[in-house]
Every structure is written in C-alpha cells, then in structure tokens.
Amino acid sequence: MSGNTVTHGHSRFCTLGRAARELGLKRGELDLAVNLGHIRAVPDEGGGGLRVARTEIDRLCAEEGYPEALKKRVEAVGTREGADLLVVSHGRFTRLARLGIVVPVRFYLNRYRAVVWLYLAEELRQFAADETNAPLLGGRTPSELRARLETGLDLRPRTWRGRYLGFLRRQAGDHPWACAAAVASLLDAVQVAETVQDPYERAHLNRFRPRPSAAHGAPGSPAAQLAESLAMAQDPDEISWLRSDLAQAVSEARTLQPAPRPASGSGPTPTPSGSGPTPTPSCSAPAPPRKTPAPTRDRIQPVPDEPPSSRGLMRWLRRGTA
C-alpha cells in the first residue's frame, strides 16, 4: 500500500497530495476545490490534516466531462486574464475589484512580496454574461464610484476575507467550537479576549483555530506575517460585525458543548464570557465589626503583688525558723 494512502476501518483515504495527482489537479487547484465544496474532504483521525475518501475520487472520475469540467470549476486567473474574460481594460478590472464588485478567491505573494489576487474564471464568465452588469463593463464609471476610488478604497482584502470565512465554516462542519474558531481567526488576540472573557472558553476556542496555510511561507517568515495581516479584519465596522458574530457563535457553542473546566474547588471560577466580575450577593452582607468597650478608670483594679494566702504562708514559715 502506498505511503500516501491510509486505511481507517473499512474505508480508504488519500492525502490531499495523492488525491491531486490522481485527479490530475495541481495542489492549489485541489485545495481550492475543497474550499469551494467541489471535493469532499474529512479530517484525519490521527490529526494529520484532511483526507479524501477513495469513493470521492471515484465519484469525481465518473462525472461527465471529467477532468476538464473539474478543472474549469477551479480555474483561477489574475488581473490580466480576468480583464480579457470581461473584455475590459486592466485598469477597469482593477477598479471593479477595488470596489468589491468582483471578488478574489485566493492570493499569493510574488518574489517581491507583492500581493497577487486571483479570481474564479467561471464567476467572471457569468458576470460578463449577465446583461445587468453591462454599465459596469463599458462607458464612464459612475461619479459616486469614482469618488470612492479617489479616497483610496480597496475592498479586495475585505471581500477575500468574507469568502475565506465561508471556506473555514465549510471545513468546520457542524462542530460549534470549530465554527466559532473560524470567526475568531479573523480577529487579533486582544479583540478575541475582549469578546470571549472566559479563559477556559478561549483556551478551548484556540484548540480549533485553523492552521495558517503553508503556501504563504514558513511560520514567522516575512511572507507568512504579511499573509497573516491580510487575514485580519481591519475596518472598524468589519471588526464590530465579526465580534458580534463571534459572541453569538460562542454562546451557541457554550449551550451545545460547554468548554471543559477544572474540577470544582481547584481554583477560582472564571467570569463567564461577556459578563463582568461576579457580584457579591446582597443577602450575605458582612457582619458589623465587634465593638471593644473603651477602658474606664473605675473598671481598672490594682493587682496585688502576692495573693493574701501567700503572705500568710510566708509569716508562718518565718515564725517557725525563729
């Protein structure tokens, strides 16, 4: 059996690299097909990433028009090819992308660490075929859109993040904490901590946080840091929306599967998410301090040097020795 094929019970699964080779796809194309839901992949029980079932590969190979139809669905093009598909200039295509009218599906960093956005060719063909989009493809750009572009507007990172969040949610499936972690991955640590105040829930959330893509460089490298910054929400309204979505997702996850906590009595109970410090119940008000009576002169009695019985005993002893 090949080292790229693993057996779980009675089913056979392939690694993503092996599945790409058998389907005649590049690895990036297969990743995109998984993100778009064209290929079903499942998490490896041993924690080794996603796997594709042999039955799924057989299903795709049996589809009409395979493999050209599958490749067409995951074809991603850059600005030049995208402009050709829309039959517009490169500048107009870039303006449409900056306005969020056409949405990138992925990106990569070139050797100069410049961001290169890619778009689904199939979506661009559908956009060009829709007659309602004709005013955007020809003639003068409307004045309100030109005014927005003059302010430096560029919605490409934000629209990509919206699509990327959809990919992560699809991979999370029905797991409530994985769905919440998908939203949290677009916020920085401070924003997550302010939204999810319970430390046990934050720790549980981090267990399901999506791993950064190795396609954008080794962890900690300048390329990986740039890619990570693109995945973080930037606009205040975007951050506010994601924080609200995260709070709702954590609330649902808490109801379905409460985060694990230490046994009772092993430490202080953390404050639940979204609430302030635990108030002191009004019915358990502290008792008033005990009053110590002030000393008074008439209460102080002189203490004798010796008890009277001791003095009588000493006189009797002296008399006996005289």
Foldseek 3Di string as FASTA:
>chain_A
DDPQWDDDPPWIWGDLVVLCVLQVHDSVLSVLCCLVVVFPWAQDPVRPGIIGTPVRSVVQVPDPPPPVVSCLQSDKDFLVVLCVLLVADSVLSQLCQLVVVFAFQDWAADPVRDITTIGRSVVSNVLSPDPVCVVSRDDDDDPVSVVCVVVVRGCHLVRNLVSVLSSQCVNQPPQLLLNLLSLVLQADPVLVCLQFVFPLSVVVSVVNHDDQDCRQDDPPDPSSVVVSVSSHDDDPVVSVVSSVVSNVSSVVNCVVPNGDDDDPPPDDGTDGGPDDDDDDDPVCDDDDDDDDDDDDPVVDDDDDPDPPVVVVVVVVVVVVVD
